[in-house]
Amino acid sequence: MRRREESEGLPVEISEKLLCLFSTDVSEEEDRYVIEVPRQEIETGDIDPGEVYRVALISREDESDAEDVSATTQPQSAPSEPQPPVDVGETRYVEIEDIGKQGDGIARVERGYVIIVPGADVGERVKIEVTEVKSNFAVGEIIEETF
């Protein structure tokens, strides 16, 4: 399944398999070109060193456009820092995939982002309201038992 986003009025397809999104330079080293992945993407994301991943390159914007976008869409964070895919108050339909150490249900949404759902069991499909959002996880409250 893919989510549609609007970019300058044109639809852009974003795969749910997207693990991270960041800006970086392409550097030249002898007979190859190198793209560096920020350390934060490895430490907080679903990327493991030594694994093989598909990479998509998207054309860059004008320098002035990029500054305007980062100033309006990410006022408190660096441009390469991924934003949580959920907001407080948002409702979602999720399937509980795992149980955490404290016994809470765990669901995963875009880019493997974790939502902790207290009182949910593995295999349950529930409608939740997001009550708390952190950079690497969110907490959701069940508002409908099954869907």
Protein backbone atom coordinates (compact mmCIF):
# COMPACT_ATOMS: atom_id res chain seq x y z
CA MET A 1 0.00 0.00 0.00
CA ARG A 2 1.25 3.50 -0.74
CA ARG A 3 0.43 6.88 0.74
CA ARG A 4 -0.07 9.85 -1.58
CA GLU A 5 1.55 13.16 -0.71
CA GLU A 6 1.32 16.45 -2.54
CA SER A 7 4.49 18.20 -3.66
CA GLU A 8 4.05 21.48 -5.50
CA GLY A 9 0.60 20.30 -6.60
CA LEU A 10 1.85 17.02 -8.08
CA PRO A 11 1.05 13.67 -6.43
CA VAL A 12 4.05 11.79 -5.08
CA GLU A 13 3.87 8.09 -4.17
CA ILE A 14 5.51 7.15 -0.86
CA SER A 15 5.91 3.44 -0.22
CA GLU A 16 5.12 2.07 3.24
CA LYS A 17 8.46 0.24 2.89
CA LEU A 18 10.26 3.60 3.28
CA LEU A 19 12.68 3.15 6.19
CA CYS A 20 14.09 6.66 6.37
CA LEU A 21 14.29 9.95 4.53
CA PHE A 22 17.16 12.41 4.77
CA SER A 23 19.19 14.87 2.71
CA THR A 24 22.85 14.24 1.98
CA ASP A 25 25.62 14.96 -0.50
CA VAL A 26 26.95 12.50 -3.05
CA SER A 27 30.75 12.43 -2.79
CA GLU A 28 33.31 10.99 -5.18
CA GLU A 29 35.92 8.50 -3.97
CA GLU A 30 38.29 7.14 -6.62
CA ASP A 31 36.14 4.95 -8.92
CA ARG A 32 32.81 5.24 -7.05
CA TYR A 33 30.31 7.67 -5.58
CA VAL A 34 29.30 7.57 -1.92
CA ILE A 35 26.08 8.51 -0.13
CA GLU A 36 26.49 8.84 3.62
CA VAL A 37 23.67 7.73 5.93
CA PRO A 38 23.41 9.85 9.09
CA ARG A 39 24.28 7.97 12.30
CA GLN A 40 20.83 8.80 13.74
CA GLU A 41 19.14 6.80 10.96
CA ILE A 42 21.07 3.69 12.02
CA GLU A 43 20.65 4.23 15.76
CA THR A 44 16.92 5.08 15.77
CA GLY A 45 15.67 3.45 12.59
CA ASP A 46 15.29 0.04 11.01
CA ILE A 47 18.57 0.17 9.08
CA ASP A 48 21.37 -2.27 9.85
CA PRO A 49 24.98 -1.78 8.73
CA GLY A 50 26.11 -4.47 6.29
CA GLU A 51 22.62 -5.06 4.86
CA VAL A 52 21.65 -4.20 1.27
CA TYR A 53 18.92 -1.61 0.65
CA ARG A 54 17.30 -0.04 -2.39
CA VAL A 55 18.12 3.66 -2.72
CA ALA A 56 16.07 6.29 -4.54
CA LEU A 57 17.50 9.69 -5.34
CA ILE A 58 15.08 12.61 -5.63
CA SER A 59 16.13 15.77 -7.43
CA ARG A 60 17.05 18.58 -5.11
CA GLU A 61 15.12 21.79 -4.80
CA ASP A 62 16.57 25.27 -5.24
CA GLU A 63 18.67 26.21 -2.23
CA SER A 64 16.21 29.01 -1.38
CA ASP A 65 13.20 26.67 -1.76
CA ALA A 66 14.82 24.07 0.51
CA GLU A 67 15.48 26.70 3.18
CA ASP A 68 11.88 27.93 2.97
CA VAL A 69 10.52 24.38 3.26
CA SER A 70 12.70 23.44 6.23
CA ALA A 71 11.89 26.70 7.99
CA THR A 72 8.14 26.17 7.66
CA THR A 73 7.82 22.40 8.04
CA GLN A 74 10.57 21.57 10.54
CA PRO A 75 11.13 24.59 12.77
CA GLN A 76 12.61 22.65 15.72
CA SER A 77 14.69 19.97 14.03
CA ALA A 78 17.46 19.44 11.54
CA PRO A 79 16.37 18.83 7.92
CA SER A 80 17.80 15.29 7.97
CA GLU A 81 15.90 14.28 11.13
CA PRO A 82 12.84 12.18 10.29
CA GLN A 83 9.55 13.31 11.79
CA PRO A 84 7.12 10.90 13.48
CA PRO A 85 4.43 9.73 11.04
CA VAL A 86 1.64 10.36 13.59
CA ASP A 87 0.32 13.35 15.56
CA VAL A 88 -1.33 13.63 18.98
CA GLY A 89 -5.09 13.28 18.57
CA GLU A 90 -4.83 11.34 15.30
CA THR A 91 -6.88 8.15 15.01
CA ARG A 92 -5.44 5.04 13.38
CA TYR A 93 -6.49 1.48 12.68
CA VAL A 94 -3.59 -0.78 13.69
CA GLU A 95 -2.82 -4.45 14.16
CA ILE A 96 -0.91 -5.45 17.28
CA GLU A 97 2.21 -7.33 16.16
CA ASP A 98 4.03 -7.88 19.43
CA ILE A 99 3.93 -7.42 23.20
CA GLY A 100 6.45 -5.13 24.88
CA LYS A 101 8.46 -5.79 28.05
CA GLN A 102 5.76 -4.06 30.15
CA GLY A 103 2.97 -6.17 28.59
CA ASP A 104 1.67 -3.46 26.26
CA GLY A 105 0.68 -4.13 22.66
CA ILE A 106 3.03 -2.93 19.93
CA ALA A 107 1.91 -1.86 16.47
CA ARG A 108 4.14 -0.60 13.66
CA VAL A 109 3.17 1.97 11.05
CA GLU A 110 5.15 3.84 8.36
CA ARG A 111 8.93 3.25 8.34
CA GLY A 112 8.52 0.76 11.21
CA TYR A 113 7.54 3.53 13.64
CA VAL A 114 6.27 1.95 16.89
CA ILE A 115 2.97 2.74 18.58
CA ILE A 116 2.55 1.32 22.08
CA VAL A 117 -1.04 0.33 22.85
CA PRO A 118 -1.69 -0.55 26.52
CA GLY A 119 -4.26 -3.32 27.01
CA ALA A 120 -3.96 -4.76 23.50
CA ASP A 121 -2.97 -8.35 22.63
CA VAL A 122 -1.03 -9.79 19.69
CA GLY A 123 -3.23 -10.21 16.63
CA GLU A 124 -5.85 -7.70 17.73
CA ARG A 125 -6.92 -5.09 15.20
CA VAL A 126 -7.96 -1.93 17.04
CA LYS A 127 -8.81 1.69 16.39
CA ILE A 128 -6.63 3.96 18.51
CA GLU A 129 -6.23 7.62 19.29
CA VAL A 130 -2.61 8.77 19.56
CA THR A 131 -2.13 10.32 23.02
CA GLU A 132 1.63 10.89 23.09
CA VAL A 133 4.27 11.28 20.35
CA LYS A 134 8.04 10.94 20.78
CA SER A 135 10.75 10.89 18.10
CA ASN A 136 11.00 7.07 18.06
CA PHE A 137 7.61 5.89 19.37
CA ALA A 138 4.06 6.96 20.20
CA VAL A 139 1.41 5.84 22.66
CA GLY A 140 -2.16 5.14 21.59
CA GLU A 141 -5.37 4.53 23.50
CA ILE A 142 -7.89 1.97 22.24
CA ILE A 143 -11.14 3.64 21.18
CA GLU A 144 -12.63 0.67 19.29
CA GLU A 145 -11.83 -2.95 20.11
CA THR A 146 -11.98 -4.53 16.65
CA PHE A 147 -12.47 -3.40 13.11
